[in-house]
N, C-alpha and C. Protein backbone atom coordinates (compact mmCIF):
# COMPACT_ATOMS: atom_id res chain seq x y z
N MET A 1 -8.41 8.28 -3.14
CA MET A 1 -8.69 6.86 -3.32
C MET A 1 -9.59 6.38 -2.18
N LYS A 2 -10.51 5.53 -2.52
CA LYS A 2 -11.37 4.94 -1.50
C LYS A 2 -10.60 3.84 -0.79
N GLU A 3 -10.55 3.94 0.52
CA GLU A 3 -9.75 2.99 1.30
C GLU A 3 -10.27 1.57 1.24
N GLU A 4 -11.57 1.39 0.96
CA GLU A 4 -12.13 0.04 0.92
C GLU A 4 -11.92 -0.65 -0.43
N LYS A 5 -11.35 0.07 -1.41
CA LYS A 5 -11.14 -0.51 -2.74
C LYS A 5 -10.13 -1.64 -2.66
N LEU A 6 -10.50 -2.78 -3.25
CA LEU A 6 -9.65 -3.96 -3.22
C LEU A 6 -8.48 -3.79 -4.19
N VAL A 7 -7.29 -4.07 -3.70
CA VAL A 7 -6.08 -4.02 -4.51
C VAL A 7 -5.66 -5.42 -4.91
N CYS A 8 -5.67 -6.33 -3.96
CA CYS A 8 -5.22 -7.72 -4.17
C CYS A 8 -6.33 -8.67 -3.76
N ALA A 9 -6.94 -9.30 -4.75
CA ALA A 9 -8.04 -10.22 -4.48
C ALA A 9 -7.54 -11.51 -3.81
N CYS A 10 -6.34 -11.94 -4.15
CA CYS A 10 -5.81 -13.19 -3.58
C CYS A 10 -5.62 -13.09 -2.06
N ARG A 11 -5.15 -11.93 -1.60
CA ARG A 11 -4.86 -11.73 -0.17
C ARG A 11 -5.84 -10.79 0.51
N HIS A 12 -6.84 -10.32 -0.24
CA HIS A 12 -7.88 -9.42 0.30
C HIS A 12 -7.27 -8.15 0.91
N VAL A 13 -6.35 -7.55 0.18
CA VAL A 13 -5.67 -6.33 0.63
C VAL A 13 -6.36 -5.14 -0.04
N THR A 14 -6.70 -4.15 0.77
CA THR A 14 -7.36 -2.95 0.27
C THR A 14 -6.39 -1.76 0.22
N VAL A 15 -6.85 -0.69 -0.40
CA VAL A 15 -6.08 0.55 -0.40
C VAL A 15 -5.80 0.96 1.03
N GLY A 16 -6.80 0.88 1.89
CA GLY A 16 -6.65 1.25 3.29
C GLY A 16 -5.59 0.44 4.00
N ASP A 17 -5.49 -0.85 3.66
CA ASP A 17 -4.44 -1.69 4.27
C ASP A 17 -3.05 -1.18 3.90
N ILE A 18 -2.88 -0.79 2.66
CA ILE A 18 -1.58 -0.27 2.22
C ILE A 18 -1.29 1.07 2.87
N VAL A 19 -2.28 1.93 2.96
CA VAL A 19 -2.11 3.22 3.63
C VAL A 19 -1.69 3.00 5.09
N LYS A 20 -2.30 2.03 5.74
CA LYS A 20 -1.96 1.73 7.14
C LYS A 20 -0.52 1.24 7.28
N THR A 21 -0.03 0.48 6.30
CA THR A 21 1.36 0.01 6.40
C THR A 21 2.34 1.18 6.31
N VAL A 22 2.00 2.16 5.46
CA VAL A 22 2.85 3.35 5.36
C VAL A 22 2.83 4.10 6.69
N ALA A 23 1.64 4.27 7.26
CA ALA A 23 1.53 4.93 8.56
C ALA A 23 2.26 4.14 9.64
N GLY A 24 2.34 2.83 9.45
CA GLY A 24 3.02 1.97 10.41
C GLY A 24 4.50 1.82 10.18
N GLY A 25 5.05 2.53 9.18
CA GLY A 25 6.49 2.53 9.00
C GLY A 25 7.02 1.92 7.71
N ALA A 26 6.16 1.39 6.84
CA ALA A 26 6.64 0.82 5.57
C ALA A 26 7.28 1.93 4.75
N ARG A 27 8.50 1.71 4.27
CA ARG A 27 9.21 2.71 3.49
C ARG A 27 9.57 2.22 2.10
N ASN A 28 9.28 0.94 1.82
CA ASN A 28 9.48 0.41 0.47
C ASN A 28 8.42 -0.66 0.22
N PHE A 29 8.29 -1.06 -1.04
CA PHE A 29 7.23 -2.00 -1.40
C PHE A 29 7.43 -3.36 -0.74
N GLU A 30 8.66 -3.74 -0.52
CA GLU A 30 8.93 -5.01 0.14
C GLU A 30 8.38 -5.01 1.58
N ASP A 31 8.45 -3.86 2.24
CA ASP A 31 7.85 -3.73 3.58
C ASP A 31 6.35 -3.97 3.50
N VAL A 32 5.71 -3.38 2.50
CA VAL A 32 4.26 -3.53 2.32
C VAL A 32 3.93 -5.00 2.07
N GLN A 33 4.70 -5.66 1.24
CA GLN A 33 4.47 -7.08 0.98
C GLN A 33 4.61 -7.91 2.26
N ALA A 34 5.61 -7.63 3.05
CA ALA A 34 5.82 -8.37 4.28
C ALA A 34 4.68 -8.16 5.27
N MET A 35 4.14 -6.94 5.30
CA MET A 35 3.10 -6.61 6.27
C MET A 35 1.70 -7.05 5.82
N THR A 36 1.47 -7.14 4.50
CA THR A 36 0.12 -7.43 4.01
C THR A 36 0.02 -8.71 3.18
N GLY A 37 1.10 -9.12 2.57
CA GLY A 37 1.07 -10.25 1.65
C GLY A 37 0.68 -9.86 0.24
N VAL A 38 0.47 -8.57 -0.01
CA VAL A 38 0.06 -8.11 -1.34
C VAL A 38 1.08 -8.51 -2.40
N ALA A 39 0.59 -8.90 -3.57
CA ALA A 39 1.43 -9.26 -4.72
C ALA A 39 2.39 -10.40 -4.39
N ARG A 40 1.92 -11.35 -3.61
CA ARG A 40 2.75 -12.51 -3.29
C ARG A 40 2.15 -13.81 -3.81
N SER A 41 0.99 -13.74 -4.43
CA SER A 41 0.36 -14.95 -4.98
C SER A 41 0.49 -14.93 -6.49
N CYS A 42 -0.53 -14.45 -7.17
CA CYS A 42 -0.52 -14.45 -8.63
C CYS A 42 0.24 -13.25 -9.20
N CYS A 43 0.39 -12.19 -8.43
CA CYS A 43 1.14 -10.98 -8.78
C CYS A 43 0.49 -10.10 -9.84
N ARG A 44 -0.76 -10.37 -10.23
CA ARG A 44 -1.42 -9.52 -11.22
C ARG A 44 -1.68 -8.12 -10.69
N CYS A 45 -1.71 -7.98 -9.39
CA CYS A 45 -2.01 -6.68 -8.77
C CYS A 45 -0.75 -5.85 -8.51
N ARG A 46 0.39 -6.39 -8.78
CA ARG A 46 1.64 -5.75 -8.36
C ARG A 46 1.77 -4.30 -8.82
N GLY A 47 1.53 -4.02 -10.08
CA GLY A 47 1.66 -2.66 -10.60
C GLY A 47 0.73 -1.70 -9.88
N TYR A 48 -0.51 -2.10 -9.73
CA TYR A 48 -1.48 -1.25 -9.04
C TYR A 48 -1.09 -1.07 -7.58
N ALA A 49 -0.68 -2.16 -6.93
CA ALA A 49 -0.29 -2.09 -5.52
C ALA A 49 0.90 -1.16 -5.33
N GLU A 50 1.86 -1.22 -6.23
CA GLU A 50 3.02 -0.33 -6.14
C GLU A 50 2.61 1.12 -6.32
N ASN A 51 1.68 1.39 -7.24
CA ASN A 51 1.19 2.76 -7.43
C ASN A 51 0.46 3.27 -6.19
N VAL A 52 -0.36 2.42 -5.58
CA VAL A 52 -1.06 2.81 -4.35
C VAL A 52 -0.04 3.10 -3.25
N PHE A 53 0.97 2.25 -3.13
CA PHE A 53 2.01 2.46 -2.12
C PHE A 53 2.73 3.79 -2.34
N ARG A 54 3.14 4.06 -3.57
CA ARG A 54 3.85 5.31 -3.85
C ARG A 54 2.99 6.53 -3.54
N ALA A 55 1.71 6.46 -3.89
CA ALA A 55 0.81 7.58 -3.60
C ALA A 55 0.64 7.76 -2.09
N ALA A 56 0.51 6.66 -1.37
CA ALA A 56 0.36 6.74 0.09
C ALA A 56 1.62 7.28 0.74
N LEU A 57 2.78 6.86 0.26
CA LEU A 57 4.05 7.33 0.80
C LEU A 57 4.22 8.82 0.52
N GLU A 58 3.90 9.23 -0.69
CA GLU A 58 4.00 10.65 -1.05
C GLU A 58 3.07 11.49 -0.17
N GLU A 59 1.85 11.04 0.03
CA GLU A 59 0.90 11.76 0.87
C GLU A 59 1.40 11.83 2.31
N SER A 60 1.95 10.75 2.80
CA SER A 60 2.49 10.73 4.16
C SER A 60 3.64 11.72 4.31
N GLN A 61 4.52 11.76 3.33
CA GLN A 61 5.65 12.68 3.38
C GLN A 61 5.18 14.12 3.27
N HIS A 62 4.17 14.36 2.45
CA HIS A 62 3.62 15.71 2.31
C HIS A 62 3.00 16.18 3.62
N GLN A 63 2.27 15.29 4.29
CA GLN A 63 1.65 15.64 5.57
C GLN A 63 2.70 15.94 6.62
N THR A 64 3.80 15.19 6.60
CA THR A 64 4.88 15.40 7.55
C THR A 64 5.51 16.78 7.34
N LYS A 65 5.68 17.17 6.09
CA LYS A 65 6.31 18.47 5.78
C LYS A 65 5.42 19.64 6.14
N THR A 66 4.11 19.46 6.04
CA THR A 66 3.19 20.57 6.33
C THR A 66 2.77 20.62 7.78
N SER A 67 3.17 19.66 8.57
CA SER A 67 2.80 19.65 9.99
C SER A 67 3.75 20.46 10.84
């Protein structure tokens, strides 16, 4: 995924922002919302934002296991 891709237009949250929250300790979608504000306005991005979060979390866990 391209990190500059916009996920939430209302809050200007990108894929990279969500990836950074996972690296910063976010372990559930509510953590991501608290850290970025994603899916807190119109919520049209929620499904996509959750998918980006899950992919970022999975990648983070995979990197931890292979390190």
